Amino acid sequence: MKTHNNITGLILAGGLARRMGGTDKGLVVLEGRPMIAYIIDALSPQVDSILINANRNISTYKEYGYPVISDELEDFQGPLAGMASGLKHCKTDYIATVPCDGPVLPDNYADILMQASIQASSPISVAFDGNRLQPVYALIHRDLLSDLNHYLGAGERKIDRWYDKHQFAKADFSSHLEMFTNINTPEDLQAASALI
């Protein structure tokens, strides 16, 4: 059950995945299914709609039945470029971002992000694992699109530095550490099988 409306889930699958030998991580098979399938299953009940940010294998991603949007910046400029594209194309007030290599997502992910944003009266909330920020897990208000485009237009790419420009809330996910099991190597993929 959705506890909040006005959120688009944005799956970030636009990277080069250098540490996985260039394999498109969202399509890497984990226990018989591509990783993006697990994310869609977990995220779709929590949000109003889903967008997939991808810069290659676009036709494959479209098979999941959701709009696929690419970065407007060329040459794989990082997660902020994907977030900017998501903010441009979303039809809700917020996007909730998830990396395509994080197949374990709690069923209250969007709610935790939104509650942190509301409590801090902040247009951004970022996942906090108890020790550090996990910046690609975030809730961002679409009013920040112009500011983000300006930041990217100035040649900036550091996600933490952009967050620091704004009042952002820390969303406490210290009881959901399994969701930060990013899969960057074949060894990580093998270890993640135990979590599915």
N, C-alpha and C. Protein backbone atom coordinates (compact mmCIF):
# COMPACT_ATOMS: atom_id res chain seq x y z
N MET A 1 0.84 -1.20 0.00
CA MET A 1 0.00 0.00 0.00
C MET A 1 0.88 1.25 0.00
N LYS A 2 0.52 2.18 -0.88
CA LYS A 2 1.27 3.42 -0.92
C LYS A 2 0.86 4.31 0.25
N THR A 3 1.84 4.81 0.96
CA THR A 3 1.54 5.72 2.05
C THR A 3 1.67 7.17 1.60
N HIS A 4 2.32 7.38 0.48
CA HIS A 4 2.45 8.74 -0.05
C HIS A 4 2.29 8.70 -1.55
N ASN A 5 1.58 9.68 -2.07
CA ASN A 5 1.50 9.84 -3.51
C ASN A 5 2.52 10.89 -3.94
N ASN A 6 2.49 11.21 -5.20
CA ASN A 6 3.35 12.26 -5.74
C ASN A 6 4.83 11.87 -5.77
N ILE A 7 5.11 10.57 -5.89
CA ILE A 7 6.50 10.12 -6.02
C ILE A 7 6.64 9.26 -7.26
N THR A 8 7.65 9.58 -8.05
CA THR A 8 8.05 8.72 -9.17
C THR A 8 9.31 7.97 -8.75
N GLY A 9 9.30 6.67 -8.90
CA GLY A 9 10.51 5.89 -8.66
C GLY A 9 11.42 5.99 -9.86
N LEU A 10 12.66 6.37 -9.64
CA LEU A 10 13.63 6.51 -10.72
C LEU A 10 14.74 5.48 -10.53
N ILE A 11 14.80 4.51 -11.41
CA ILE A 11 15.84 3.48 -11.35
C ILE A 11 17.01 3.94 -12.20
N LEU A 12 18.16 4.10 -11.56
CA LEU A 12 19.35 4.63 -12.22
C LEU A 12 20.14 3.47 -12.83
N ALA A 13 20.02 3.33 -14.14
CA ALA A 13 20.70 2.25 -14.86
C ALA A 13 21.53 2.81 -16.00
N GLY A 14 22.03 4.03 -15.82
CA GLY A 14 22.69 4.71 -16.93
C GLY A 14 24.20 4.69 -16.91
N GLY A 15 24.79 3.91 -16.00
CA GLY A 15 26.25 3.94 -15.87
C GLY A 15 26.97 2.98 -16.80
N LEU A 16 28.28 3.04 -16.73
CA LEU A 16 29.12 2.19 -17.59
C LEU A 16 29.50 0.87 -16.93
N ALA A 17 29.35 0.78 -15.62
CA ALA A 17 29.65 -0.46 -14.89
C ALA A 17 31.05 -0.97 -15.18
N ARG A 18 32.02 -0.09 -15.03
CA ARG A 18 33.41 -0.48 -15.34
C ARG A 18 33.88 -1.64 -14.48
N ARG A 19 33.45 -1.65 -13.19
CA ARG A 19 33.93 -2.71 -12.29
C ARG A 19 33.27 -4.06 -12.58
N MET A 20 32.20 -4.04 -13.37
CA MET A 20 31.59 -5.30 -13.79
C MET A 20 31.99 -5.64 -15.22
N GLY A 21 33.11 -5.07 -15.66
CA GLY A 21 33.58 -5.36 -17.00
C GLY A 21 32.71 -4.74 -18.08
N GLY A 22 31.96 -3.70 -17.72
CA GLY A 22 31.12 -3.01 -18.69
C GLY A 22 29.76 -3.64 -18.89
N THR A 23 29.47 -4.72 -18.17
CA THR A 23 28.15 -5.35 -18.26
C THR A 23 27.10 -4.42 -17.67
N ASP A 24 25.97 -4.29 -18.35
CA ASP A 24 24.88 -3.44 -17.87
C ASP A 24 24.32 -4.06 -16.59
N LYS A 25 24.58 -3.43 -15.45
CA LYS A 25 24.29 -4.07 -14.18
C LYS A 25 22.81 -4.32 -13.94
N GLY A 26 21.95 -3.46 -14.44
CA GLY A 26 20.53 -3.68 -14.24
C GLY A 26 20.03 -4.97 -14.88
N LEU A 27 20.76 -5.44 -15.89
CA LEU A 27 20.36 -6.65 -16.62
C LEU A 27 21.14 -7.88 -16.20
N VAL A 28 22.06 -7.73 -15.25
CA VAL A 28 22.80 -8.88 -14.74
C VAL A 28 21.83 -9.81 -14.02
N VAL A 29 21.94 -11.10 -14.29
CA VAL A 29 21.01 -12.08 -13.72
C VAL A 29 21.46 -12.48 -12.32
N LEU A 30 20.52 -12.36 -11.39
CA LEU A 30 20.73 -12.76 -10.00
C LEU A 30 19.65 -13.77 -9.64
N GLU A 31 20.04 -14.96 -9.32
CA GLU A 31 19.07 -16.01 -8.98
C GLU A 31 17.96 -16.12 -10.03
N GLY A 32 18.37 -16.11 -11.28
CA GLY A 32 17.43 -16.36 -12.38
C GLY A 32 16.68 -15.17 -12.93
N ARG A 33 16.88 -13.98 -12.33
CA ARG A 33 16.16 -12.79 -12.81
C ARG A 33 17.12 -11.62 -12.91
N PRO A 34 16.93 -10.72 -13.88
CA PRO A 34 17.74 -9.50 -13.93
C PRO A 34 17.52 -8.66 -12.67
N MET A 35 18.57 -7.99 -12.23
CA MET A 35 18.47 -7.22 -11.00
C MET A 35 17.36 -6.18 -11.04
N ILE A 36 17.14 -5.58 -12.20
CA ILE A 36 16.12 -4.54 -12.27
C ILE A 36 14.73 -5.10 -11.96
N ALA A 37 14.51 -6.38 -12.23
CA ALA A 37 13.20 -6.97 -11.96
C ALA A 37 12.89 -6.96 -10.46
N TYR A 38 13.90 -7.23 -9.64
CA TYR A 38 13.70 -7.19 -8.19
C TYR A 38 13.36 -5.77 -7.73
N ILE A 39 14.04 -4.79 -8.31
CA ILE A 39 13.81 -3.40 -7.92
C ILE A 39 12.40 -2.96 -8.31
N ILE A 40 11.99 -3.31 -9.52
CA ILE A 40 10.64 -2.94 -9.96
C ILE A 40 9.59 -3.56 -9.04
N ASP A 41 9.76 -4.83 -8.70
CA ASP A 41 8.80 -5.50 -7.82
C ASP A 41 8.70 -4.81 -6.46
N ALA A 42 9.84 -4.39 -5.91
CA ALA A 42 9.85 -3.76 -4.59
C ALA A 42 9.37 -2.32 -4.64
N LEU A 43 9.71 -1.61 -5.70
CA LEU A 43 9.45 -0.17 -5.76
C LEU A 43 8.05 0.17 -6.25
N SER A 44 7.52 -0.61 -7.19
CA SER A 44 6.26 -0.23 -7.82
C SER A 44 5.08 -0.07 -6.86
N PRO A 45 4.95 -0.87 -5.78
CA PRO A 45 3.83 -0.63 -4.87
C PRO A 45 3.98 0.64 -4.04
N GLN A 46 5.18 1.23 -4.03
CA GLN A 46 5.45 2.36 -3.14
C GLN A 46 5.34 3.71 -3.81
N VAL A 47 5.24 3.73 -5.14
CA VAL A 47 5.29 4.99 -5.88
C VAL A 47 4.15 5.06 -6.88
N ASP A 48 3.93 6.24 -7.43
CA ASP A 48 2.85 6.43 -8.41
C ASP A 48 3.24 5.93 -9.79
N SER A 49 4.51 6.03 -10.10
CA SER A 49 4.98 5.62 -11.42
C SER A 49 6.47 5.33 -11.33
N ILE A 50 6.99 4.72 -12.38
CA ILE A 50 8.41 4.39 -12.44
C ILE A 50 8.99 4.90 -13.76
N LEU A 51 10.20 5.43 -13.67
CA LEU A 51 11.01 5.76 -14.84
C LEU A 51 12.31 4.98 -14.74
N ILE A 52 12.80 4.51 -15.87
CA ILE A 52 14.10 3.84 -15.92
C ILE A 52 15.06 4.74 -16.67
N ASN A 53 16.14 5.11 -16.01
CA ASN A 53 17.18 5.93 -16.64
C ASN A 53 18.24 5.00 -17.20
N ALA A 54 18.35 4.95 -18.51
CA ALA A 54 19.32 4.06 -19.16
C ALA A 54 19.90 4.74 -20.39
N ASN A 55 21.17 4.45 -20.67
CA ASN A 55 21.85 5.03 -21.83
C ASN A 55 22.26 3.98 -22.85
N ARG A 56 21.94 2.73 -22.58
CA ARG A 56 22.18 1.64 -23.53
C ARG A 56 21.18 0.53 -23.22
N ASN A 57 21.09 -0.44 -24.12
CA ASN A 57 20.11 -1.53 -23.98
C ASN A 57 18.70 -0.99 -23.73
N ILE A 58 18.39 0.11 -24.38
CA ILE A 58 17.12 0.79 -24.12
C ILE A 58 15.93 -0.08 -24.49
N SER A 59 16.02 -0.79 -25.61
CA SER A 59 14.89 -1.63 -26.02
C SER A 59 14.64 -2.74 -25.01
N THR A 60 15.70 -3.27 -24.41
CA THR A 60 15.55 -4.32 -23.40
C THR A 60 14.86 -3.76 -22.17
N TYR A 61 15.28 -2.58 -21.74
CA TYR A 61 14.64 -1.98 -20.57
C TYR A 61 13.17 -1.64 -20.84
N LYS A 62 12.85 -1.26 -22.06
CA LYS A 62 11.46 -0.93 -22.39
C LYS A 62 10.54 -2.13 -22.25
N GLU A 63 11.10 -3.33 -22.34
CA GLU A 63 10.29 -4.54 -22.23
C GLU A 63 9.64 -4.66 -20.85
N TYR A 64 10.13 -3.92 -19.87
CA TYR A 64 9.54 -3.97 -18.53
C TYR A 64 8.28 -3.11 -18.42
N GLY A 65 7.96 -2.38 -19.48
CA GLY A 65 6.69 -1.68 -19.53
C GLY A 65 6.68 -0.29 -18.94
N TYR A 66 7.85 0.25 -18.64
CA TYR A 66 7.94 1.60 -18.07
C TYR A 66 8.73 2.51 -19.01
N PRO A 67 8.47 3.82 -18.96
CA PRO A 67 9.23 4.73 -19.81
C PRO A 67 10.73 4.66 -19.51
N VAL A 68 11.53 4.67 -20.54
CA VAL A 68 12.98 4.67 -20.42
C VAL A 68 13.49 6.02 -20.88
N ILE A 69 14.22 6.69 -20.02
CA ILE A 69 14.74 8.02 -20.34
C ILE A 69 16.26 7.98 -20.26
N SER A 70 16.90 8.68 -21.17
CA SER A 70 18.36 8.73 -21.19
C SER A 70 18.85 10.05 -20.64
N ASP A 71 20.14 10.10 -20.30
CA ASP A 71 20.75 11.35 -19.87
C ASP A 71 20.71 12.35 -21.02
N GLU A 72 20.52 13.62 -20.69
CA GLU A 72 20.64 14.64 -21.72
C GLU A 72 22.11 14.98 -21.97
N LEU A 73 22.94 14.76 -20.95
CA LEU A 73 24.37 14.93 -21.13
C LEU A 73 24.95 13.67 -21.77
N GLU A 74 25.89 13.84 -22.66
CA GLU A 74 26.49 12.70 -23.33
C GLU A 74 27.66 12.14 -22.52
N ASP A 75 28.08 10.95 -22.89
CA ASP A 75 29.30 10.33 -22.37
C ASP A 75 29.23 9.93 -20.90
N PHE A 76 28.07 9.47 -20.45
CA PHE A 76 27.96 8.85 -19.12
C PHE A 76 28.53 9.74 -18.02
N GLN A 77 27.78 10.79 -17.67
CA GLN A 77 28.26 11.82 -16.76
C GLN A 77 27.94 11.56 -15.29
N GLY A 78 27.42 10.40 -14.97
CA GLY A 78 27.20 10.06 -13.57
C GLY A 78 25.76 10.16 -13.12
N PRO A 79 25.49 9.81 -11.86
CA PRO A 79 24.10 9.72 -11.38
C PRO A 79 23.35 11.04 -11.39
N LEU A 80 24.02 12.16 -11.20
CA LEU A 80 23.30 13.43 -11.22
C LEU A 80 22.67 13.70 -12.58
N ALA A 81 23.33 13.26 -13.64
CA ALA A 81 22.75 13.43 -14.97
C ALA A 81 21.47 12.63 -15.11
N GLY A 82 21.47 11.41 -14.55
CA GLY A 82 20.26 10.60 -14.56
C GLY A 82 19.16 11.21 -13.72
N MET A 83 19.53 11.77 -12.58
CA MET A 83 18.55 12.42 -11.70
C MET A 83 17.93 13.62 -12.39
N ALA A 84 18.75 14.40 -13.10
CA ALA A 84 18.22 15.56 -13.82
C ALA A 84 17.22 15.13 -14.88
N SER A 85 17.52 14.06 -15.59
CA SER A 85 16.59 13.55 -16.59
C SER A 85 15.30 13.07 -15.93
N GLY A 86 15.42 12.42 -14.79
CA GLY A 86 14.23 11.98 -14.06
C GLY A 86 13.37 13.14 -13.60
N LEU A 87 14.00 14.18 -13.07
CA LEU A 87 13.25 15.36 -12.63
C LEU A 87 12.55 16.05 -13.80
N LYS A 88 13.18 16.03 -14.96
CA LYS A 88 12.57 16.65 -16.14
C LYS A 88 11.34 15.88 -16.61
N HIS A 89 11.40 14.57 -16.55
CA HIS A 89 10.35 13.74 -17.14
C HIS A 89 9.28 13.30 -16.15
N CYS A 90 9.51 13.45 -14.85
CA CYS A 90 8.51 12.97 -13.89
C CYS A 90 7.28 13.87 -13.92
N LYS A 91 6.15 13.27 -13.57
CA LYS A 91 4.89 14.01 -13.51
C LYS A 91 4.40 14.13 -12.07
N THR A 92 5.30 13.88 -11.14
CA THR A 92 4.99 13.99 -9.71
C THR A 92 5.88 15.06 -9.10
N ASP A 93 5.65 15.37 -7.85
CA ASP A 93 6.45 16.38 -7.18
C ASP A 93 7.85 15.88 -6.81
N TYR A 94 7.97 14.57 -6.62
CA TYR A 94 9.24 14.00 -6.15
C TYR A 94 9.67 12.84 -7.02
N ILE A 95 10.99 12.61 -7.02
CA ILE A 95 11.53 11.35 -7.49
C ILE A 95 12.21 10.66 -6.31
N ALA A 96 12.09 9.33 -6.27
CA ALA A 96 12.82 8.51 -5.31
C ALA A 96 13.77 7.65 -6.12
N THR A 97 15.06 7.85 -5.93
CA THR A 97 16.05 7.20 -6.78
C THR A 97 16.58 5.91 -6.16
N VAL A 98 16.87 4.96 -7.03
CA VAL A 98 17.40 3.66 -6.63
C VAL A 98 18.42 3.24 -7.68
N PRO A 99 19.62 2.80 -7.29
CA PRO A 99 20.57 2.30 -8.27
C PRO A 99 20.16 0.92 -8.77
N CYS A 100 20.50 0.63 -10.02
CA CYS A 100 20.06 -0.63 -10.61
C CYS A 100 20.81 -1.83 -10.04
N ASP A 101 21.85 -1.59 -9.25
CA ASP A 101 22.59 -2.72 -8.67
C ASP A 101 22.28 -2.87 -7.18
N GLY A 102 21.12 -2.38 -6.75
CA GLY A 102 20.68 -2.55 -5.37
C GLY A 102 19.37 -3.30 -5.34
N PRO A 103 19.39 -4.62 -5.54
CA PRO A 103 18.14 -5.37 -5.73
C PRO A 103 17.35 -5.62 -4.45
N VAL A 104 17.89 -5.29 -3.28
CA VAL A 104 17.18 -5.52 -2.02
C VAL A 104 16.68 -4.17 -1.49
N LEU A 105 15.37 -3.98 -1.56
CA LEU A 105 14.79 -2.70 -1.18
C LEU A 105 13.67 -2.94 -0.17
N PRO A 106 13.67 -2.22 0.96
CA PRO A 106 12.59 -2.43 1.94
C PRO A 106 11.25 -1.94 1.41
N ASP A 107 10.17 -2.51 1.93
CA ASP A 107 8.85 -2.15 1.42
C ASP A 107 8.37 -0.79 1.91
N ASN A 108 9.15 -0.15 2.78
CA ASN A 108 8.81 1.20 3.23
C ASN A 108 9.89 2.22 2.81
N TYR A 109 10.62 1.88 1.76
CA TYR A 109 11.72 2.75 1.29
C TYR A 109 11.25 4.18 1.03
N ALA A 110 10.24 4.32 0.17
CA ALA A 110 9.76 5.66 -0.18
C ALA A 110 9.20 6.39 1.03
N ASP A 111 8.55 5.66 1.92
CA ASP A 111 7.96 6.26 3.11
C ASP A 111 9.03 6.83 4.04
N ILE A 112 10.11 6.08 4.24
CA ILE A 112 11.19 6.56 5.11
C ILE A 112 11.81 7.84 4.53
N LEU A 113 12.02 7.85 3.23
CA LEU A 113 12.57 9.05 2.59
C LEU A 113 11.62 10.24 2.74
N MET A 114 10.33 9.99 2.49
CA MET A 114 9.36 11.09 2.56
C MET A 114 9.21 11.61 3.98
N GLN A 115 9.16 10.74 4.95
CA GLN A 115 9.02 11.18 6.34
C GLN A 115 10.21 12.05 6.76
N ALA A 116 11.40 11.66 6.34
CA ALA A 116 12.58 12.47 6.66
C ALA A 116 12.49 13.85 6.03
N SER A 117 12.02 13.89 4.79
CA SER A 117 11.87 15.16 4.09
C SER A 117 10.85 16.06 4.78
N ILE A 118 9.73 15.46 5.16
CA ILE A 118 8.66 16.23 5.82
C ILE A 118 9.14 16.77 7.16
N GLN A 119 9.77 15.91 7.94
CA GLN A 119 10.20 16.31 9.29
C GLN A 119 11.24 17.44 9.25
N ALA A 120 12.06 17.44 8.22
CA ALA A 120 13.09 18.47 8.11
C ALA A 120 12.68 19.64 7.22
N SER A 121 11.45 19.56 6.69
CA SER A 121 10.99 20.57 5.73
C SER A 121 12.04 20.79 4.64
N SER A 122 12.53 19.70 4.12
CA SER A 122 13.62 19.74 3.16
C SER A 122 13.18 19.19 1.81
N PRO A 123 13.66 19.77 0.69
CA PRO A 123 13.30 19.25 -0.63
C PRO A 123 14.10 18.01 -1.02
N ILE A 124 15.07 17.64 -0.20
CA ILE A 124 15.90 16.46 -0.48
C ILE A 124 16.02 15.65 0.81
N SER A 125 15.89 14.35 0.69
CA SER A 125 16.31 13.47 1.77
C SER A 125 17.20 12.39 1.17
N VAL A 126 18.24 12.05 1.90
CA VAL A 126 19.26 11.12 1.41
C VAL A 126 19.41 9.99 2.41
N ALA A 127 19.51 8.78 1.92
CA ALA A 127 19.65 7.62 2.80
C ALA A 127 20.95 7.70 3.59
N PHE A 128 20.84 7.36 4.88
CA PHE A 128 21.97 7.36 5.79
C PHE A 128 22.03 5.98 6.43
N ASP A 129 23.20 5.33 6.34
CA ASP A 129 23.28 3.95 6.83
C ASP A 129 23.72 3.83 8.29
N GLY A 130 23.82 4.96 8.95
CA GLY A 130 24.28 4.98 10.34
C GLY A 130 25.71 5.45 10.46
N ASN A 131 26.44 5.36 9.36
CA ASN A 131 27.83 5.83 9.33
C ASN A 131 28.06 6.89 8.26
N ARG A 132 27.43 6.69 7.11
CA ARG A 132 27.65 7.65 6.03
C ARG A 132 26.43 7.71 5.12
N LEU A 133 26.40 8.74 4.32
CA LEU A 133 25.33 8.89 3.34
C LEU A 133 25.49 7.84 2.24
N GLN A 134 24.36 7.43 1.69
CA GLN A 134 24.32 6.57 0.51
C GLN A 134 23.62 7.40 -0.57
N PRO A 135 24.37 8.24 -1.29
CA PRO A 135 23.77 9.33 -2.05
C PRO A 135 22.91 8.97 -3.25
N VAL A 136 23.03 7.75 -3.78
CA VAL A 136 22.16 7.42 -4.91
C VAL A 136 20.79 6.90 -4.48
N TYR A 137 20.59 6.79 -3.17
CA TYR A 137 19.27 6.49 -2.61
C TYR A 137 18.73 7.80 -2.04
N ALA A 138 17.84 8.45 -2.76
CA ALA A 138 17.43 9.79 -2.34
C ALA A 138 16.02 10.13 -2.83
N LEU A 139 15.43 11.10 -2.17
CA LEU A 139 14.16 11.70 -2.58
C LEU A 139 14.46 13.16 -2.91
N ILE A 140 14.04 13.60 -4.09
CA ILE A 140 14.36 14.96 -4.56
C ILE A 140 13.11 15.60 -5.14
N HIS A 141 12.86 16.84 -4.74
CA HIS A 141 11.70 17.58 -5.26
C HIS A 141 12.01 18.12 -6.64
N ARG A 142 11.01 18.09 -7.50
CA ARG A 142 11.24 18.49 -8.90
C ARG A 142 11.55 19.98 -9.05
N ASP A 143 11.23 20.80 -8.04
CA ASP A 143 11.57 22.22 -8.11
C ASP A 143 13.09 22.45 -8.18
N LEU A 144 13.87 21.43 -7.87
CA LEU A 144 15.33 21.57 -7.90
C LEU A 144 15.93 21.30 -9.26
N LEU A 145 15.11 21.01 -10.27
CA LEU A 145 15.65 20.69 -11.59
C LEU A 145 16.49 21.82 -12.16
N SER A 146 16.00 23.04 -12.08
CA SER A 146 16.73 24.18 -12.64
C SER A 146 18.09 24.34 -11.96
N ASP A 147 18.10 24.23 -10.64
CA ASP A 147 19.35 24.35 -9.89
C ASP A 147 20.32 23.24 -10.27
N LEU A 148 19.80 22.02 -10.42
CA LEU A 148 20.66 20.90 -10.78
C LEU A 148 21.21 21.07 -12.19
N ASN A 149 20.39 21.54 -13.11
CA ASN A 149 20.88 21.78 -14.47
C ASN A 149 21.97 22.84 -14.49
N HIS A 150 21.80 23.86 -13.66
CA HIS A 150 22.82 24.91 -13.56
C HIS A 150 24.12 24.33 -13.03
N TYR A 151 24.02 23.49 -12.03
CA TYR A 151 25.19 22.85 -11.42
C TYR A 151 25.91 21.98 -12.45
N LEU A 152 25.13 21.17 -13.18
CA LEU A 152 25.73 20.32 -14.21
C LEU A 152 26.31 21.16 -15.35
N GLY A 153 25.63 22.24 -15.69
CA GLY A 153 26.10 23.12 -16.76
C GLY A 153 27.41 23.80 -16.44
N ALA A 154 27.69 23.94 -15.14
CA ALA A 154 28.97 24.53 -14.70
C ALA A 154 30.09 23.48 -14.69
N GLY A 155 29.78 22.27 -15.12
CA GLY A 155 30.79 21.23 -15.17
C GLY A 155 30.91 20.40 -13.90
N GLU A 156 30.03 20.65 -12.93
CA GLU A 156 30.09 19.91 -11.67
C GLU A 156 29.43 18.54 -11.83
N ARG A 157 30.00 17.55 -11.15
CA ARG A 157 29.44 16.20 -11.24
C ARG A 157 29.33 15.52 -9.87
N LYS A 158 29.89 16.12 -8.82
CA LYS A 158 29.93 15.49 -7.50
C LYS A 158 28.56 15.57 -6.84
N ILE A 159 27.99 14.42 -6.57
CA ILE A 159 26.64 14.35 -6.02
C ILE A 159 26.59 14.90 -4.59
N ASP A 160 27.59 14.57 -3.78
CA ASP A 160 27.60 15.06 -2.40
C ASP A 160 27.69 16.58 -2.34
N ARG A 161 28.46 17.15 -3.24
CA ARG A 161 28.63 18.61 -3.24
C ARG A 161 27.32 19.31 -3.61
N TRP A 162 26.55 18.69 -4.50
CA TRP A 162 25.26 19.29 -4.85
C TRP A 162 24.30 19.22 -3.66
N TYR A 163 24.26 18.07 -3.00
CA TYR A 163 23.41 17.97 -1.81
C TYR A 163 23.81 19.02 -0.77
N ASP A 164 25.10 19.23 -0.60
CA ASP A 164 25.58 20.17 0.41
C ASP A 164 25.13 21.60 0.12
N LYS A 165 24.78 21.90 -1.13
CA LYS A 165 24.29 23.23 -1.48
C LYS A 165 22.89 23.48 -0.92
N HIS A 166 22.23 22.41 -0.53
CA HIS A 166 20.83 22.51 -0.10
C HIS A 166 20.68 21.98 1.32
N GLN A 167 19.58 22.33 1.92
CA GLN A 167 19.25 21.73 3.21
C GLN A 167 18.69 20.34 2.88
N PHE A 168 19.42 19.30 3.26
CA PHE A 168 18.90 17.96 2.98
C PHE A 168 18.73 17.21 4.29
N ALA A 169 17.77 16.31 4.29
CA ALA A 169 17.49 15.49 5.46
C ALA A 169 18.23 14.16 5.33
N LYS A 170 18.67 13.63 6.46
CA LYS A 170 19.23 12.28 6.49
C LYS A 170 18.10 11.31 6.82
N ALA A 171 17.85 10.39 5.93
CA ALA A 171 16.83 9.37 6.16
C ALA A 171 17.50 8.14 6.74
N ASP A 172 17.08 7.75 7.91
CA ASP A 172 17.75 6.69 8.65
C ASP A 172 17.38 5.31 8.13
N PHE A 173 18.33 4.66 7.48
CA PHE A 173 18.15 3.29 7.00
C PHE A 173 19.12 2.35 7.70
N SER A 174 19.52 2.69 8.91
CA SER A 174 20.50 1.87 9.62
C SER A 174 19.95 0.48 9.98
N SER A 175 18.63 0.33 9.96
CA SER A 175 18.06 -0.99 10.20
C SER A 175 17.78 -1.76 8.91
N HIS A 176 18.22 -1.20 7.79
CA HIS A 176 18.03 -1.84 6.48
C HIS A 176 19.35 -1.89 5.71
N LEU A 177 20.40 -2.27 6.37
CA LEU A 177 21.73 -2.23 5.75
C LEU A 177 21.85 -3.15 4.55
N GLU A 178 21.00 -4.17 4.47
CA GLU A 178 21.07 -5.10 3.34
C GLU A 178 20.80 -4.40 2.00
N MET A 179 20.07 -3.28 2.05
CA MET A 179 19.76 -2.59 0.80
C MET A 179 20.98 -1.92 0.18
N PHE A 180 22.03 -1.74 0.95
CA PHE A 180 23.23 -1.09 0.42
C PHE A 180 24.25 -2.10 -0.10
N THR A 181 23.81 -3.31 -0.35
CA THR A 181 24.69 -4.32 -0.92
C THR A 181 24.78 -4.08 -2.42
N ASN A 182 25.58 -3.10 -2.80
CA ASN A 182 25.76 -2.81 -4.22
C ASN A 182 26.57 -3.92 -4.87
N ILE A 183 26.24 -4.19 -6.10
CA ILE A 183 26.87 -5.29 -6.82
C ILE A 183 27.76 -4.71 -7.91
N ASN A 184 29.06 -4.71 -7.63
CA ASN A 184 30.03 -4.12 -8.56
C ASN A 184 30.95 -5.15 -9.19
N THR A 185 31.00 -6.35 -8.62
CA THR A 185 31.92 -7.37 -9.12
C THR A 185 31.17 -8.71 -9.16
N PRO A 186 31.70 -9.68 -9.91
CA PRO A 186 31.08 -11.01 -9.89
C PRO A 186 31.01 -11.61 -8.49
N GLU A 187 31.99 -11.29 -7.64
CA GLU A 187 31.98 -11.78 -6.27
C GLU A 187 30.82 -11.18 -5.48
N ASP A 188 30.57 -9.89 -5.70
CA ASP A 188 29.43 -9.25 -5.04
C ASP A 188 28.12 -9.92 -5.47
N LEU A 189 28.04 -10.30 -6.74
CA LEU A 189 26.84 -10.94 -7.25
C LEU A 189 26.59 -12.26 -6.54
N GLN A 190 27.64 -13.00 -6.35
CA GLN A 190 27.51 -14.28 -5.66
C GLN A 190 27.07 -14.09 -4.21
N ALA A 191 27.63 -13.09 -3.54
CA ALA A 191 27.27 -12.83 -2.14
C ALA A 191 25.82 -12.35 -2.03
N ALA A 192 25.34 -11.62 -3.04
CA ALA A 192 23.98 -11.07 -2.98
C ALA A 192 22.92 -12.17 -3.10
N SER A 193 23.29 -13.31 -3.65
CA SER A 193 22.31 -14.37 -3.82
C SER A 193 21.70 -14.78 -2.47
N ALA A 194 22.48 -14.64 -1.41
CA ALA A 194 21.97 -15.03 -0.08
C ALA A 194 20.91 -14.08 0.43
N LEU A 195 20.80 -12.89 -0.16
CA LEU A 195 19.84 -11.89 0.32
C LEU A 195 18.51 -11.95 -0.41
N ILE A 196 18.46 -12.67 -1.51
CA ILE A 196 17.26 -12.70 -2.34
C ILE A 196 16.31 -13.80 -1.85
